[in-house]
PDB file of all heavy atoms in Angstrom:
ATOM      1  N   GLU A   1       1.231   4.592   0.704  1.00  0.00           N
ATOM      2  CA  GLU A   1       1.167   4.342  -0.740  1.00  0.00           C
ATOM      3  C   GLU A   1       2.116   5.263  -1.503  1.00  0.00           C
ATOM      4  O   GLU A   1       2.780   4.835  -2.464  1.00  0.00           O
ATOM      5  CB  GLU A   1      -0.263   4.524  -1.240  1.00  0.00           C
ATOM      6  CG  GLU A   1      -1.205   3.428  -0.775  1.00  0.00           C
ATOM      7  CD  GLU A   1      -2.612   3.629  -1.297  1.00  0.00           C
ATOM      8  OE1 GLU A   1      -2.849   4.598  -2.055  1.00  0.00           O
ATOM      9  OE2 GLU A   1      -3.492   2.813  -0.955  1.00  0.00           O
ATOM     10  N   GLU A   2       2.194   6.518  -1.089  1.00  0.00           N
ATOM     11  CA  GLU A   2       3.104   7.453  -1.766  1.00  0.00           C
ATOM     12  C   GLU A   2       4.549   7.023  -1.578  1.00  0.00           C
ATOM     13  O   GLU A   2       5.356   7.093  -2.517  1.00  0.00           O
ATOM     14  CB  GLU A   2       2.885   8.867  -1.235  1.00  0.00           C
ATOM     15  CG  GLU A   2       1.577   9.487  -1.693  1.00  0.00           C
ATOM     16  CD  GLU A   2       1.378  10.900  -1.173  1.00  0.00           C
ATOM     17  OE1 GLU A   2       2.219  11.345  -0.360  1.00  0.00           O
ATOM     18  OE2 GLU A   2       0.398  11.560  -1.590  1.00  0.00           O
ATOM     19  N   LEU A   3       4.887   6.569  -0.377  1.00  0.00           N
ATOM     20  CA  LEU A   3       6.250   6.108  -0.121  1.00  0.00           C
ATOM     21  C   LEU A   3       6.582   4.899  -0.988  1.00  0.00           C
ATOM     22  O   LEU A   3       7.660   4.832  -1.610  1.00  0.00           O
ATOM     23  CB  LEU A   3       6.412   5.763   1.354  1.00  0.00           C
ATOM     24  CG  LEU A   3       7.796   5.322   1.827  1.00  0.00           C
ATOM     25  CD1 LEU A   3       8.050   5.798   3.251  1.00  0.00           C
ATOM     26  CD2 LEU A   3       7.949   3.797   1.773  1.00  0.00           C
ATOM     27  N   ILE A   4       5.662   3.934  -1.056  1.00  0.00           N
ATOM     28  CA  ILE A   4       5.888   2.739  -1.881  1.00  0.00           C
ATOM     29  C   ILE A   4       6.079   3.145  -3.335  1.00  0.00           C
ATOM     30  O   ILE A   4       6.976   2.646  -4.026  1.00  0.00           O
ATOM     31  CB  ILE A   4       4.697   1.769  -1.737  1.00  0.00           C
ATOM     32  CG1 ILE A   4       4.609   1.214  -0.313  1.00  0.00           C
ATOM     33  CG2 ILE A   4       4.827   0.607  -2.732  1.00  0.00           C
ATOM     34  CD1 ILE A   4       3.312   0.480  -0.021  1.00  0.00           C
ATOM     35  N   GLY A   5       5.230   4.058  -3.805  1.00  0.00           N
ATOM     36  CA  GLY A   5       5.336   4.504  -5.188  1.00  0.00           C
ATOM     37  C   GLY A   5       6.653   5.204  -5.477  1.00  0.00           C
ATOM     38  O   GLY A   5       7.291   4.972  -6.522  1.00  0.00           O
ATOM     39  N   GLN A   6       7.091   6.061  -4.566  1.00  0.00           N
ATOM     40  CA  GLN A   6       8.358   6.762  -4.751  1.00  0.00           C
ATOM     41  C   GLN A   6       9.532   5.788  -4.828  1.00  0.00           C
ATOM     42  O   GLN A   6      10.420   5.923  -5.686  1.00  0.00           O
ATOM     43  CB  GLN A   6       8.575   7.746  -3.608  1.00  0.00           C
ATOM     44  CG  GLN A   6       7.643   8.939  -3.622  1.00  0.00           C
ATOM     45  CD  GLN A   6       7.696   9.729  -2.324  1.00  0.00           C
ATOM     46  OE1 GLN A   6       8.531   9.455  -1.454  1.00  0.00           O
ATOM     47  NE2 GLN A   6       6.809  10.692  -2.177  1.00  0.00           N
ATOM     48  N   VAL A   7       9.541   4.800  -3.939  1.00  0.00           N
ATOM     49  CA  VAL A   7      10.636   3.827  -3.931  1.00  0.00           C
ATOM     50  C   VAL A   7      10.629   3.002  -5.216  1.00  0.00           C
ATOM     51  O   VAL A   7      11.692   2.692  -5.780  1.00  0.00           O
ATOM     52  CB  VAL A   7      10.535   2.921  -2.691  1.00  0.00           C
ATOM     53  CG1 VAL A   7      11.561   1.795  -2.759  1.00  0.00           C
ATOM     54  CG2 VAL A   7      10.740   3.735  -1.413  1.00  0.00           C
ATOM     55  N   ALA A   8       9.447   2.653  -5.700  1.00  0.00           N
ATOM     56  CA  ALA A   8       9.352   1.880  -6.944  1.00  0.00           C
ATOM     57  C   ALA A   8       9.895   2.678  -8.124  1.00  0.00           C
ATOM     58  O   ALA A   8      10.656   2.149  -8.955  1.00  0.00           O
ATOM     59  CB  ALA A   8       7.905   1.475  -7.195  1.00  0.00           C
ATOM     60  N   VAL A   9       9.527   3.951  -8.204  1.00  0.00           N
ATOM     61  CA  VAL A   9      10.013   4.795  -9.302  1.00  0.00           C
ATOM     62  C   VAL A   9      11.527   4.956  -9.217  1.00  0.00           C
ATOM     63  O   VAL A   9      12.243   4.831 -10.223  1.00  0.00           O
ATOM     64  CB  VAL A   9       9.312   6.174  -9.265  1.00  0.00           C
ATOM     65  CG1 VAL A   9       9.990   7.143 -10.240  1.00  0.00           C
ATOM     66  CG2 VAL A   9       7.838   6.027  -9.610  1.00  0.00           C
ATOM     67  N   GLU A  10      12.030   5.204  -8.019  1.00  0.00           N
ATOM     68  CA  GLU A  10      13.473   5.359  -7.837  1.00  0.00           C
ATOM     69  C   GLU A  10      14.215   4.072  -8.202  1.00  0.00           C
ATOM     70  O   GLU A  10      15.343   4.119  -8.723  1.00  0.00           O
ATOM     71  CB  GLU A  10      13.779   5.731  -6.384  1.00  0.00           C
ATOM     72  CG  GLU A  10      13.305   7.136  -6.005  1.00  0.00           C
ATOM     73  CD  GLU A  10      13.266   7.345  -4.502  1.00  0.00           C
ATOM     74  OE1 GLU A  10      13.671   6.414  -3.754  1.00  0.00           O
ATOM     75  OE2 GLU A  10      12.835   8.424  -4.060  1.00  0.00           O
ATOM     76  N   GLY A  11      13.593   2.927  -7.940  1.00  0.00           N
ATOM     77  CA  GLY A  11      14.224   1.654  -8.248  1.00  0.00           C
ATOM     78  C   GLY A  11      13.940   1.148  -9.649  1.00  0.00           C
ATOM     79  O   GLY A  11      14.311   0.016  -9.996  1.00  0.00           O
ATOM     80  N   ARG A  12      13.249   1.986 -10.452  1.00  0.00           N
ATOM     81  CA  ARG A  12      12.910   1.635 -11.843  1.00  0.00           C
ATOM     82  C   ARG A  12      12.129   0.319 -11.910  1.00  0.00           C
ATOM     83  O   ARG A  12      12.378  -0.526 -12.771  1.00  0.00           O
ATOM     84  CB  ARG A  12      14.174   1.557 -12.706  1.00  0.00           C
ATOM     85  CG  ARG A  12      14.938   2.869 -12.784  1.00  0.00           C
ATOM     86  CD  ARG A  12      16.199   2.736 -13.631  1.00  0.00           C
ATOM     87  NE  ARG A  12      16.938   3.974 -13.691  1.00  0.00           N
ATOM     88  CZ  ARG A  12      16.718   4.955 -14.587  1.00  0.00           C
ATOM     89  NH1 ARG A  12      15.759   4.818 -15.468  1.00  0.00           N
ATOM     90  NH2 ARG A  12      17.454   6.054 -14.575  1.00  0.00           N
ATOM     91  N   ARG A  13      11.175   0.172 -11.006  1.00  0.00           N
ATOM     92  CA  ARG A  13      10.289  -0.989 -11.001  1.00  0.00           C
ATOM     93  C   ARG A  13       8.858  -0.507 -11.174  1.00  0.00           C
ATOM     94  O   ARG A  13       8.399   0.403 -10.479  1.00  0.00           O
ATOM     95  CB  ARG A  13      10.388  -1.769  -9.674  1.00  0.00           C
ATOM     96  CG  ARG A  13      11.772  -2.280  -9.306  1.00  0.00           C
ATOM     97  CD  ARG A  13      12.250  -3.405 -10.199  1.00  0.00           C
ATOM     98  NE  ARG A  13      11.471  -4.625 -10.085  1.00  0.00           N
ATOM     99  CZ  ARG A  13      11.740  -5.630  -9.238  1.00  0.00           C
ATOM    100  NH1 ARG A  13      12.756  -5.519  -8.384  1.00  0.00           N
ATOM    101  NH2 ARG A  13      11.014  -6.733  -9.246  1.00  0.00           N
ATOM    102  N   ASP A  14       8.142  -1.123 -12.109  1.00  0.00           N
ATOM    103  CA  ASP A  14       6.715  -0.842 -12.237  1.00  0.00           C
ATOM    104  C   ASP A  14       5.988  -1.552 -11.106  1.00  0.00           C
ATOM    105  O   ASP A  14       6.302  -2.708 -10.773  1.00  0.00           O
ATOM    106  CB  ASP A  14       6.185  -1.325 -13.589  1.00  0.00           C
ATOM    107  CG  ASP A  14       6.681  -0.471 -14.741  1.00  0.00           C
ATOM    108  OD1 ASP A  14       6.901   0.734 -14.526  1.00  0.00           O
ATOM    109  OD2 ASP A  14       6.859  -1.010 -15.845  1.00  0.00           O
ATOM    110  N   LEU A  15       4.999  -0.877 -10.533  1.00  0.00           N
ATOM    111  CA  LEU A  15       4.313  -1.430  -9.368  1.00  0.00           C
ATOM    112  C   LEU A  15       2.823  -1.170  -9.477  1.00  0.00           C
ATOM    113  O   LEU A  15       2.392  -0.065  -9.820  1.00  0.00           O
ATOM    114  CB  LEU A  15       4.894  -0.816  -8.094  1.00  0.00           C
ATOM    115  CG  LEU A  15       4.381  -1.340  -6.760  1.00  0.00           C
ATOM    116  CD1 LEU A  15       5.501  -1.360  -5.719  1.00  0.00           C
ATOM    117  CD2 LEU A  15       3.239  -0.448  -6.239  1.00  0.00           C
ATOM    118  N   GLN A  16       2.027  -2.204  -9.198  1.00  0.00           N
ATOM    119  CA  GLN A  16       0.571  -2.089  -9.195  1.00  0.00           C
ATOM    120  C   GLN A  16       0.047  -2.356  -7.780  1.00  0.00           C
ATOM    121  O   GLN A  16       0.405  -3.376  -7.178  1.00  0.00           O
ATOM    122  CB  GLN A  16      -0.062  -3.119 -10.147  1.00  0.00           C
ATOM    123  CG  GLN A  16       0.343  -2.951 -11.598  1.00  0.00           C
ATOM    124  CD  GLN A  16      -0.072  -4.152 -12.442  1.00  0.00           C
ATOM    125  OE1 GLN A  16       0.088  -5.296 -12.018  1.00  0.00           O
ATOM    126  NE2 GLN A  16      -0.613  -3.882 -13.622  1.00  0.00           N
ATOM    127  N   LEU A  17      -0.780  -1.460  -7.276  1.00  0.00           N
ATOM    128  CA  LEU A  17      -1.426  -1.685  -5.983  1.00  0.00           C
ATOM    129  C   LEU A  17      -2.608  -2.626  -6.186  1.00  0.00           C
ATOM    130  O   LEU A  17      -3.530  -2.326  -6.944  1.00  0.00           O
ATOM    131  CB  LEU A  17      -1.914  -0.363  -5.386  1.00  0.00           C
ATOM    132  CG  LEU A  17      -0.839   0.701  -5.133  1.00  0.00           C
ATOM    133  CD1 LEU A  17      -1.485   1.966  -4.572  1.00  0.00           C
ATOM    134  CD2 LEU A  17       0.214   0.195  -4.171  1.00  0.00           C
ATOM    135  N   LEU A  18      -2.566  -3.770  -5.537  1.00  0.00           N
ATOM    136  CA  LEU A  18      -3.618  -4.775  -5.702  1.00  0.00           C
ATOM    137  C   LEU A  18      -4.710  -4.652  -4.638  1.00  0.00           C
ATOM    138  O   LEU A  18      -5.888  -4.749  -4.948  1.00  0.00           O
ATOM    139  CB  LEU A  18      -3.022  -6.184  -5.638  1.00  0.00           C
ATOM    140  CG  LEU A  18      -1.909  -6.501  -6.637  1.00  0.00           C
ATOM    141  CD1 LEU A  18      -1.444  -7.948  -6.458  1.00  0.00           C
ATOM    142  CD2 LEU A  18      -2.373  -6.261  -8.063  1.00  0.00           C
ATOM    143  N   GLU A  19      -4.307  -4.457  -3.393  1.00  0.00           N
ATOM    144  CA  GLU A  19      -5.287  -4.370  -2.309  1.00  0.00           C
ATOM    145  C   GLU A  19      -4.831  -3.377  -1.255  1.00  0.00           C
ATOM    146  O   GLU A  19      -3.649  -3.322  -0.920  1.00  0.00           O
ATOM    147  CB  GLU A  19      -5.499  -5.733  -1.640  1.00  0.00           C
ATOM    148  CG  GLU A  19      -6.172  -6.769  -2.507  1.00  0.00           C
ATOM    149  CD  GLU A  19      -6.823  -7.864  -1.664  1.00  0.00           C
ATOM    150  OE1 GLU A  19      -7.437  -7.538  -0.624  1.00  0.00           O
ATOM    151  OE2 GLU A  19      -6.705  -9.038  -2.045  1.00  0.00           O
ATOM    152  N   ARG A  20      -5.794  -2.619  -0.753  1.00  0.00           N
ATOM    153  CA  ARG A  20      -5.591  -1.763   0.422  1.00  0.00           C
ATOM    154  C   ARG A  20      -6.402  -2.387   1.553  1.00  0.00           C
ATOM    155  O   ARG A  20      -7.616  -2.507   1.445  1.00  0.00           O
ATOM    156  CB  ARG A  20      -6.088  -0.345   0.165  1.00  0.00           C
ATOM    157  CG  ARG A  20      -5.414   0.363  -0.989  1.00  0.00           C
ATOM    158  CD  ARG A  20      -6.117   1.704  -1.225  1.00  0.00           C
ATOM    159  NE  ARG A  20      -5.461   2.500  -2.246  1.00  0.00           N
ATOM    160  CZ  ARG A  20      -5.768   2.455  -3.533  1.00  0.00           C
ATOM    161  NH1 ARG A  20      -6.712   1.633  -3.963  1.00  0.00           N
ATOM    162  NH2 ARG A  20      -5.130   3.230  -4.399  1.00  0.00           N
ATOM    163  N   ARG A  21      -5.730  -2.768   2.617  1.00  0.00           N
ATOM    164  CA  ARG A  21      -6.410  -3.501   3.678  1.00  0.00           C
ATOM    165  C   ARG A  21      -6.122  -2.879   5.050  1.00  0.00           C
ATOM    166  O   ARG A  21      -5.150  -2.139   5.225  1.00  0.00           O
ATOM    167  CB  ARG A  21      -5.975  -4.967   3.678  1.00  0.00           C
ATOM    168  CG  ARG A  21      -6.225  -5.681   2.348  1.00  0.00           C
ATOM    169  CD  ARG A  21      -5.886  -7.157   2.435  1.00  0.00           C
ATOM    170  NE  ARG A  21      -6.648  -7.792   3.494  1.00  0.00           N
ATOM    171  CZ  ARG A  21      -7.901  -8.223   3.371  1.00  0.00           C
ATOM    172  NH1 ARG A  21      -8.534  -8.104   2.209  1.00  0.00           N
ATOM    173  NH2 ARG A  21      -8.524  -8.788   4.382  1.00  0.00           N
ATOM    174  N   GLY A  22      -6.978  -3.206   6.004  1.00  0.00           N
ATOM    175  CA  GLY A  22      -6.790  -2.773   7.379  1.00  0.00           C
ATOM    176  C   GLY A  22      -6.768  -3.986   8.290  1.00  0.00           C
ATOM    177  O   GLY A  22      -6.493  -5.100   7.851  1.00  0.00           O
ATOM    178  N   PRO A  23      -7.071  -3.806   9.560  1.00  0.00           N
ATOM    179  CA  PRO A  23      -7.073  -4.923  10.497  1.00  0.00           C
ATOM    180  C   PRO A  23      -8.315  -5.785  10.330  1.00  0.00           C
ATOM    181  O   PRO A  23      -9.274  -5.402   9.652  1.00  0.00           O
ATOM    182  CB  PRO A  23      -7.051  -4.238  11.862  1.00  0.00           C
ATOM    183  CG  PRO A  23      -7.760  -2.940  11.624  1.00  0.00           C
ATOM    184  CD  PRO A  23      -7.379  -2.527  10.231  1.00  0.00           C
ATOM    185  N   SER A  24      -8.308  -6.953  10.952  1.00  0.00           N
ATOM    186  CA  SER A  24      -9.478  -7.809  10.956  1.00  0.00           C
ATOM    187  C   SER A  24     -10.633  -7.108  11.656  1.00  0.00           C
ATOM    188  O   SER A  24     -10.445  -6.164  12.429  1.00  0.00           O
ATOM    189  CB  SER A  24      -9.152  -9.146  11.626  1.00  0.00           C
ATOM    190  OG  SER A  24      -8.501  -8.942  12.869  1.00  0.00           O
ATOM    191  N   ALA A  25     -11.847  -7.574  11.397  1.00  0.00           N
ATOM    192  CA  ALA A  25     -13.054  -6.829  11.773  1.00  0.00           C
ATOM    193  C   ALA A  25     -13.290  -6.750  13.277  1.00  0.00           C
ATOM    194  O   ALA A  25     -14.126  -5.957  13.721  1.00  0.00           O
ATOM    195  CB  ALA A  25     -14.271  -7.447  11.090  1.00  0.00           C
ATOM    196  N   ASP A  26     -12.583  -7.557  14.069  1.00  0.00           N
ATOM    197  CA  ASP A  26     -12.703  -7.401  15.521  1.00  0.00           C
ATOM    198  C   ASP A  26     -11.857  -6.243  16.026  1.00  0.00           C
ATOM    199  O   ASP A  26     -11.787  -6.013  17.236  1.00  0.00           O
ATOM    200  CB  ASP A  26     -12.341  -8.697  16.253  1.00  0.00           C
ATOM    201  CG  ASP A  26     -11.012  -9.278  15.819  1.00  0.00           C
ATOM    202  OD1 ASP A  26     -10.552  -8.964  14.703  1.00  0.00           O
ATOM    203  OD2 ASP A  26     -10.416 -10.062  16.582  1.00  0.00           O
ATOM    204  N   HIS A  27     -11.233  -5.513  15.087  1.00  0.00           N
ATOM    205  CA  HIS A  27     -10.513  -4.269  15.381  1.00  0.00           C
ATOM    206  C   HIS A  27     -11.173  -3.142  14.570  1.00  0.00           C
ATOM    207  O   HIS A  27     -10.558  -2.570  13.671  1.00  0.00           O
ATOM    208  CB  HIS A  27      -9.039  -4.389  14.983  1.00  0.00           C
ATOM    209  CG  HIS A  27      -8.264  -5.410  15.730  1.00  0.00           C
ATOM    210  ND1 HIS A  27      -8.524  -6.760  15.662  1.00  0.00           N
ATOM    211  CD2 HIS A  27      -7.207  -5.294  16.561  1.00  0.00           C
ATOM    212  CE1 HIS A  27      -7.673  -7.414  16.432  1.00  0.00           C
ATOM    213  NE2 HIS A  27      -6.865  -6.544  16.986  1.00  0.00           N
ATOM    214  N   PRO A  28     -12.431  -2.820  14.868  1.00  0.00           N
ATOM    215  CA  PRO A  28     -13.142  -1.826  14.050  1.00  0.00           C
ATOM    216  C   PRO A  28     -12.576  -0.426  14.239  1.00  0.00           C
ATOM    217  O   PRO A  28     -11.776  -0.174  15.143  1.00  0.00           O
ATOM    218  CB  PRO A  28     -14.577  -1.919  14.586  1.00  0.00           C
ATOM    219  CG  PRO A  28     -14.413  -2.350  16.006  1.00  0.00           C
ATOM    220  CD  PRO A  28     -13.235  -3.286  16.011  1.00  0.00           C
ATOM    221  N   VAL A  29     -12.999   0.471  13.371  1.00  0.00           N
ATOM    222  CA  VAL A  29     -12.606   1.875  13.466  1.00  0.00           C
ATOM    223  C   VAL A  29     -13.854   2.691  13.802  1.00  0.00           C
ATOM    224  O   VAL A  29     -14.858   2.612  13.098  1.00  0.00           O
ATOM    225  CB  VAL A  29     -11.994   2.377  12.142  1.00  0.00           C
ATOM    226  CG1 VAL A  29     -11.666   3.865  12.233  1.00  0.00           C
ATOM    227  CG2 VAL A  29     -10.763   1.566  11.783  1.00  0.00           C
ATOM    228  N   ALA A  30     -13.798   3.460  14.871  1.00  0.00           N
ATOM    229  CA  ALA A  30     -14.909   4.344  15.229  1.00  0.00           C
ATOM    230  C   ALA A  30     -14.865   5.569  14.334  1.00  0.00           C
ATOM    231  O   ALA A  30     -13.833   6.229  14.235  1.00  0.00           O
ATOM    232  CB  ALA A  30     -14.819   4.746  16.700  1.00  0.00           C
TER     233      ALA A  30
END
């Protein structure tokens, strides 16, 4: 997220984070 934000600022583009997602549920995290 920090990398995306930095690139957006450097490129003079406003950016909104809509969703933070991971893998499908058959790939759980212990």
